[in-house]
Amino acid sequence: VQENFFFFEIESDRYATMASSPTAVINAGETALSSLALGDSLFIDGNYNAAIEFYTSAICLTDDRHVPSDTAAVANSSRANPNSTTSVSENKIIRFRSLTHRSETYLILSLHTHAYRDAKSALDLYVPHDVESRRLRRGELALCHDRAARAALALSRS
């Protein structure tokens, strides 16, 4: 759904309030996509701990356990919000991006075990030659492999 892909421009005072309480923002009705976008904004501004909280919220909102088990319901549902127009495959992409972005944030903070775990979890979402992986942006899988490798290398050196 095209209207779901937007960029956030956040005023600094509102931004500081959201960064201090991400769960309040999520409880106020934020979607997984907006949590990802807010995490990205915080990451760019160097507020890594708050970015991790928003990425974690996006990951939780796209958790597989929230998806109904029957195929017809899955095709018509959203993991995060039953009233949402976000499809299951879009939630998978959002989950992938949230995991990879959180992995990069952990790498910056030298939390290599967490970075490796997130990169591997993201890679596990798309098996090799998965048709759905074509919906990712060009180079996203390669970047995720790079993050997993950098984390593994850092872990081997410690």
C-alpha atoms as a PDB file:
ATOM      1  CA  VAL A   1       0.000   0.000   0.000  1.00  0.00           C
ATOM      2  CA  GLN A   2       1.728   3.110  -1.256  1.00  0.00           C
ATOM      3  CA  GLU A   3       0.413   5.570   1.347  1.00  0.00           C
ATOM      4  CA  ASN A   4       2.079   3.568   4.141  1.00  0.00           C
ATOM      5  CA  PHE A   5       5.564   4.378   2.855  1.00  0.00           C
ATOM      6  CA  PHE A   6       6.346   7.857   4.062  1.00  0.00           C
ATOM      7  CA  PHE A   7       9.122   9.716   5.799  1.00  0.00           C
ATOM      8  CA  PHE A   8       8.922  11.389   9.165  1.00  0.00           C
ATOM      9  CA  GLU A   9       9.961  14.910   9.884  1.00  0.00           C
ATOM     10  CA  ILE A  10       9.855  15.359  13.638  1.00  0.00           C
ATOM     11  CA  GLU A  11      10.150  18.575  15.565  1.00  0.00           C
ATOM     12  CA  SER A  12      12.858  18.363  18.231  1.00  0.00           C
ATOM     13  CA  ASP A  13      10.607  18.910  21.295  1.00  0.00           C
ATOM     14  CA  ARG A  14       8.071  16.298  20.166  1.00  0.00           C
ATOM     15  CA  TYR A  15      10.964  14.048  19.208  1.00  0.00           C
ATOM     16  CA  ALA A  16      12.466  14.219  22.701  1.00  0.00           C
ATOM     17  CA  THR A  17       9.119  13.334  24.292  1.00  0.00           C
ATOM     18  CA  MET A  18       8.692  10.306  22.026  1.00  0.00           C
ATOM     19  CA  ALA A  19      12.253   9.164  22.581  1.00  0.00           C
ATOM     20  CA  SER A  20      11.764   9.156  26.334  1.00  0.00           C
ATOM     21  CA  SER A  21       8.674   6.933  26.167  1.00  0.00           C
ATOM     22  CA  PRO A  22       8.397   4.807  23.020  1.00  0.00           C
ATOM     23  CA  THR A  23       5.837   2.455  24.524  1.00  0.00           C
ATOM     24  CA  ALA A  24       3.481   5.375  25.111  1.00  0.00           C
ATOM     25  CA  VAL A  25       3.738   6.257  21.428  1.00  0.00           C
ATOM     26  CA  ILE A  26       3.084   2.668  20.382  1.00  0.00           C
ATOM     27  CA  ASN A  27       0.124   2.408  22.757  1.00  0.00           C
ATOM     28  CA  ALA A  28      -1.229   5.603  21.245  1.00  0.00           C
ATOM     29  CA  GLY A  29      -1.711   3.767  17.946  1.00  0.00           C
ATOM     30  CA  GLU A  30       1.621   3.906  16.126  1.00  0.00           C
ATOM     31  CA  THR A  31       2.087   1.218  13.501  1.00  0.00           C
ATOM     32  CA  ALA A  32       5.127  -0.965  12.994  1.00  0.00           C
ATOM     33  CA  LEU A  33       6.103   1.103   9.968  1.00  0.00           C
ATOM     34  CA  SER A  34       5.986   4.370  11.876  1.00  0.00           C
ATOM     35  CA  SER A  35       7.983   2.783  14.720  1.00  0.00           C
ATOM     36  CA  LEU A  36      10.613   1.807  12.173  1.00  0.00           C
ATOM     37  CA  ALA A  37      10.614   5.332  10.726  1.00  0.00           C
ATOM     38  CA  LEU A  38      10.926   6.902  14.179  1.00  0.00           C
ATOM     39  CA  GLY A  39      13.771   4.520  15.009  1.00  0.00           C
ATOM     40  CA  ASP A  40      15.512   5.577  11.801  1.00  0.00           C
ATOM     41  CA  SER A  41      15.115   9.256  12.719  1.00  0.00           C
ATOM     42  CA  LEU A  42      16.576   8.630  16.168  1.00  0.00           C
ATOM     43  CA  PHE A  43      19.428   6.616  14.648  1.00  0.00           C
ATOM     44  CA  ILE A  44      20.319   9.429  12.250  1.00  0.00           C
ATOM     45  CA  ASP A  45      20.392  11.868  15.169  1.00  0.00           C
ATOM     46  CA  GLY A  46      22.702   9.548  17.131  1.00  0.00           C
ATOM     47  CA  ASN A  47      20.160   8.628  19.792  1.00  0.00           C
ATOM     48  CA  TYR A  48      20.952   4.923  19.528  1.00  0.00           C
ATOM     49  CA  ASN A  49      19.325   3.624  22.708  1.00  0.00           C
ATOM     50  CA  ALA A  50      15.993   5.238  21.853  1.00  0.00           C
ATOM     51  CA  ALA A  51      16.306   3.966  18.262  1.00  0.00           C
ATOM     52  CA  ILE A  52      16.708   0.426  19.608  1.00  0.00           C
ATOM     53  CA  GLU A  53      13.494   0.827  21.595  1.00  0.00           C
ATOM     54  CA  PHE A  54      11.542   1.869  18.498  1.00  0.00           C
ATOM     55  CA  TYR A  55      13.048  -0.905  16.376  1.00  0.00           C
ATOM     56  CA  THR A  56      12.103  -3.354  19.128  1.00  0.00           C
ATOM     57  CA  SER A  57       8.533  -2.017  19.110  1.00  0.00           C
ATOM     58  CA  ALA A  58       8.319  -2.514  15.340  1.00  0.00           C
ATOM     59  CA  ILE A  59       9.656  -6.055  15.699  1.00  0.00           C
ATOM     60  CA  CYS A  60       7.101  -6.866  18.387  1.00  0.00           C
ATOM     61  CA  LEU A  61       4.267  -5.437  16.293  1.00  0.00           C
ATOM     62  CA  THR A  62       5.205  -7.728  13.389  1.00  0.00           C
ATOM     63  CA  ASP A  63       5.644 -10.866  15.504  1.00  0.00           C
ATOM     64  CA  ASP A  64       4.508 -14.073  13.753  1.00  0.00           C
ATOM     65  CA  ARG A  65       2.581 -15.192  16.825  1.00  0.00           C
ATOM     66  CA  HIS A  66       0.011 -12.456  16.142  1.00  0.00           C
ATOM     67  CA  VAL A  67      -0.878 -13.875  12.734  1.00  0.00           C
ATOM     68  CA  PRO A  68      -4.020 -16.048  12.509  1.00  0.00           C
ATOM     69  CA  SER A  69      -3.284 -19.651  11.587  1.00  0.00           C
ATOM     70  CA  ASP A  70      -5.742 -20.162   8.732  1.00  0.00           C
ATOM     71  CA  THR A  71      -4.523 -19.105   5.296  1.00  0.00           C
ATOM     72  CA  ALA A  72      -7.522 -16.981   4.336  1.00  0.00           C
ATOM     73  CA  ALA A  73      -7.277 -14.957   7.526  1.00  0.00           C
ATOM     74  CA  VAL A  74      -3.532 -14.480   7.048  1.00  0.00           C
ATOM     75  CA  ALA A  75      -4.027 -13.137   3.535  1.00  0.00           C
ATOM     76  CA  ASN A  76      -6.445 -10.496   4.782  1.00  0.00           C
ATOM     77  CA  SER A  77      -4.941  -9.566   8.135  1.00  0.00           C
ATOM     78  CA  SER A  78      -2.319  -7.326   9.620  1.00  0.00           C
ATOM     79  CA  ARG A  79      -0.090  -8.563  12.409  1.00  0.00           C
ATOM     80  CA  ALA A  80       0.045  -5.282  14.217  1.00  0.00           C
ATOM     81  CA  ASN A  81      -3.482  -3.979  13.836  1.00  0.00           C
ATOM     82  CA  PRO A  82      -6.538  -5.748  12.434  1.00  0.00           C
ATOM     83  CA  ASN A  83      -7.807  -2.420  11.039  1.00  0.00           C
ATOM     84  CA  SER A  84      -4.536  -1.786   9.204  1.00  0.00           C
ATOM     85  CA  THR A  85      -4.138  -2.125   5.454  1.00  0.00           C
ATOM     86  CA  THR A  86      -0.612  -3.482   5.863  1.00  0.00           C
ATOM     87  CA  SER A  87      -0.366  -6.986   4.380  1.00  0.00           C
ATOM     88  CA  VAL A  88       1.435  -9.942   5.914  1.00  0.00           C
ATOM     89  CA  SER A  89       4.247  -9.717   3.326  1.00  0.00           C
ATOM     90  CA  GLU A  90       4.673  -5.994   4.069  1.00  0.00           C
ATOM     91  CA  ASN A  91       4.903  -6.838   7.774  1.00  0.00           C
ATOM     92  CA  LYS A  92       7.628  -9.351   6.928  1.00  0.00           C
ATOM     93  CA  ILE A  93       9.564  -6.621   5.125  1.00  0.00           C
ATOM     94  CA  ILE A  94       9.085  -4.214   8.037  1.00  0.00           C
ATOM     95  CA  ARG A  95      10.255  -6.918  10.460  1.00  0.00           C
ATOM     96  CA  PHE A  96      13.309  -7.608   8.271  1.00  0.00           C
ATOM     97  CA  ARG A  97      14.233  -3.924   8.110  1.00  0.00           C
ATOM     98  CA  SER A  98      13.650  -3.393  11.838  1.00  0.00           C
ATOM     99  CA  LEU A  99      15.922  -6.329  12.666  1.00  0.00           C
ATOM    100  CA  THR A 100      18.661  -5.182  10.286  1.00  0.00           C
ATOM    101  CA  HIS A 101      18.497  -1.570  11.434  1.00  0.00           C
ATOM    102  CA  ARG A 102      18.605  -2.653  15.078  1.00  0.00           C
ATOM    103  CA  SER A 103      21.558  -4.900  14.204  1.00  0.00           C
ATOM    104  CA  GLU A 104      23.462  -1.919  12.794  1.00  0.00           C
ATOM    105  CA  THR A 105      22.639   0.094  15.909  1.00  0.00           C
ATOM    106  CA  TYR A 106      23.974  -2.697  18.121  1.00  0.00           C
ATOM    107  CA  LEU A 107      27.166  -2.780  16.019  1.00  0.00           C
ATOM    108  CA  ILE A 108      27.697   0.925  16.636  1.00  0.00           C
ATOM    109  CA  LEU A 109      27.233   0.347  20.380  1.00  0.00           C
ATOM    110  CA  SER A 110      29.668  -2.626  20.221  1.00  0.00           C
ATOM    111  CA  LEU A 111      26.946  -5.065  21.313  1.00  0.00           C
ATOM    112  CA  HIS A 112      28.120  -7.670  18.839  1.00  0.00           C
ATOM    113  CA  THR A 113      26.193 -10.653  20.211  1.00  0.00           C
ATOM    114  CA  HIS A 114      22.914  -8.758  19.862  1.00  0.00           C
ATOM    115  CA  ALA A 115      23.917  -7.470  16.416  1.00  0.00           C
ATOM    116  CA  TYR A 116      24.697 -10.979  15.197  1.00  0.00           C
ATOM    117  CA  ARG A 117      21.454 -12.406  16.623  1.00  0.00           C
ATOM    118  CA  ASP A 118      19.345  -9.717  14.895  1.00  0.00           C
ATOM    119  CA  ALA A 119      21.125 -10.076  11.554  1.00  0.00           C
ATOM    120  CA  LYS A 120      20.692 -13.858  11.632  1.00  0.00           C
ATOM    121  CA  SER A 121      17.010 -13.497  12.590  1.00  0.00           C
ATOM    122  CA  ALA A 122      16.477 -11.155   9.647  1.00  0.00           C
ATOM    123  CA  LEU A 123      18.258 -13.526   7.266  1.00  0.00           C
ATOM    124  CA  ASP A 124      16.133 -16.428   8.529  1.00  0.00           C
ATOM    125  CA  LEU A 125      13.028 -14.613   7.273  1.00  0.00           C
ATOM    126  CA  TYR A 126      14.129 -15.104   3.655  1.00  0.00           C
ATOM    127  CA  VAL A 127      15.517 -18.490   2.635  1.00  0.00           C
ATOM    128  CA  PRO A 128      17.911 -18.487  -0.350  1.00  0.00           C
ATOM    129  CA  HIS A 129      16.125 -17.907  -3.661  1.00  0.00           C
ATOM    130  CA  ASP A 130      12.900 -16.933  -1.853  1.00  0.00           C
ATOM    131  CA  VAL A 131      10.506 -15.347  -4.345  1.00  0.00           C
ATOM    132  CA  GLU A 132       9.338 -12.904  -1.645  1.00  0.00           C
ATOM    133  CA  SER A 133      12.883 -11.553  -1.218  1.00  0.00           C
ATOM    134  CA  ARG A 134      12.418  -9.758  -4.556  1.00  0.00           C
ATOM    135  CA  ARG A 135      10.181  -7.302  -2.694  1.00  0.00           C
ATOM    136  CA  LEU A 136      13.163  -6.086  -0.662  1.00  0.00           C
ATOM    137  CA  ARG A 137      15.191  -3.141  -1.880  1.00  0.00           C
ATOM    138  CA  ARG A 138      18.206  -3.922  -3.989  1.00  0.00           C
ATOM    139  CA  GLY A 139      21.152  -4.821  -1.761  1.00  0.00           C
ATOM    140  CA  GLU A 140      19.196  -5.223   1.483  1.00  0.00           C
ATOM    141  CA  LEU A 141      19.980  -8.925   1.852  1.00  0.00           C
ATOM    142  CA  ALA A 142      23.649  -8.334   1.077  1.00  0.00           C
ATOM    143  CA  LEU A 143      23.782  -5.551   3.660  1.00  0.00           C
ATOM    144  CA  CYS A 144      22.243  -7.857   6.245  1.00  0.00           C
ATOM    145  CA  HIS A 145      24.850 -10.537   5.443  1.00  0.00           C
ATOM    146  CA  ASP A 146      27.518  -7.848   5.897  1.00  0.00           C
ATOM    147  CA  ARG A 147      26.152  -6.942   9.340  1.00  0.00           C
ATOM    148  CA  ALA A 148      26.122 -10.583  10.413  1.00  0.00           C
ATOM    149  CA  ALA A 149      29.707 -11.002   9.180  1.00  0.00           C
ATOM    150  CA  ARG A 150      30.947  -7.843  10.929  1.00  0.00           C
ATOM    151  CA  ALA A 151      29.315  -8.950  14.189  1.00  0.00           C
ATOM    152  CA  ALA A 152      30.747 -12.479  13.878  1.00  0.00           C
ATOM    153  CA  LEU A 153      34.230 -11.085  13.171  1.00  0.00           C
ATOM    154  CA  ALA A 154      34.033  -8.783  16.195  1.00  0.00           C
ATOM    155  CA  LEU A 155      32.883 -11.709  18.366  1.00  0.00           C
ATOM    156  CA  SER A 156      35.765 -13.886  17.146  1.00  0.00           C
ATOM    157  CA  ARG A 157      38.261 -11.177  18.104  1.00  0.00           C
ATOM    158  CA  SER A 158      36.935 -10.792  21.632  1.00  0.00           C
END
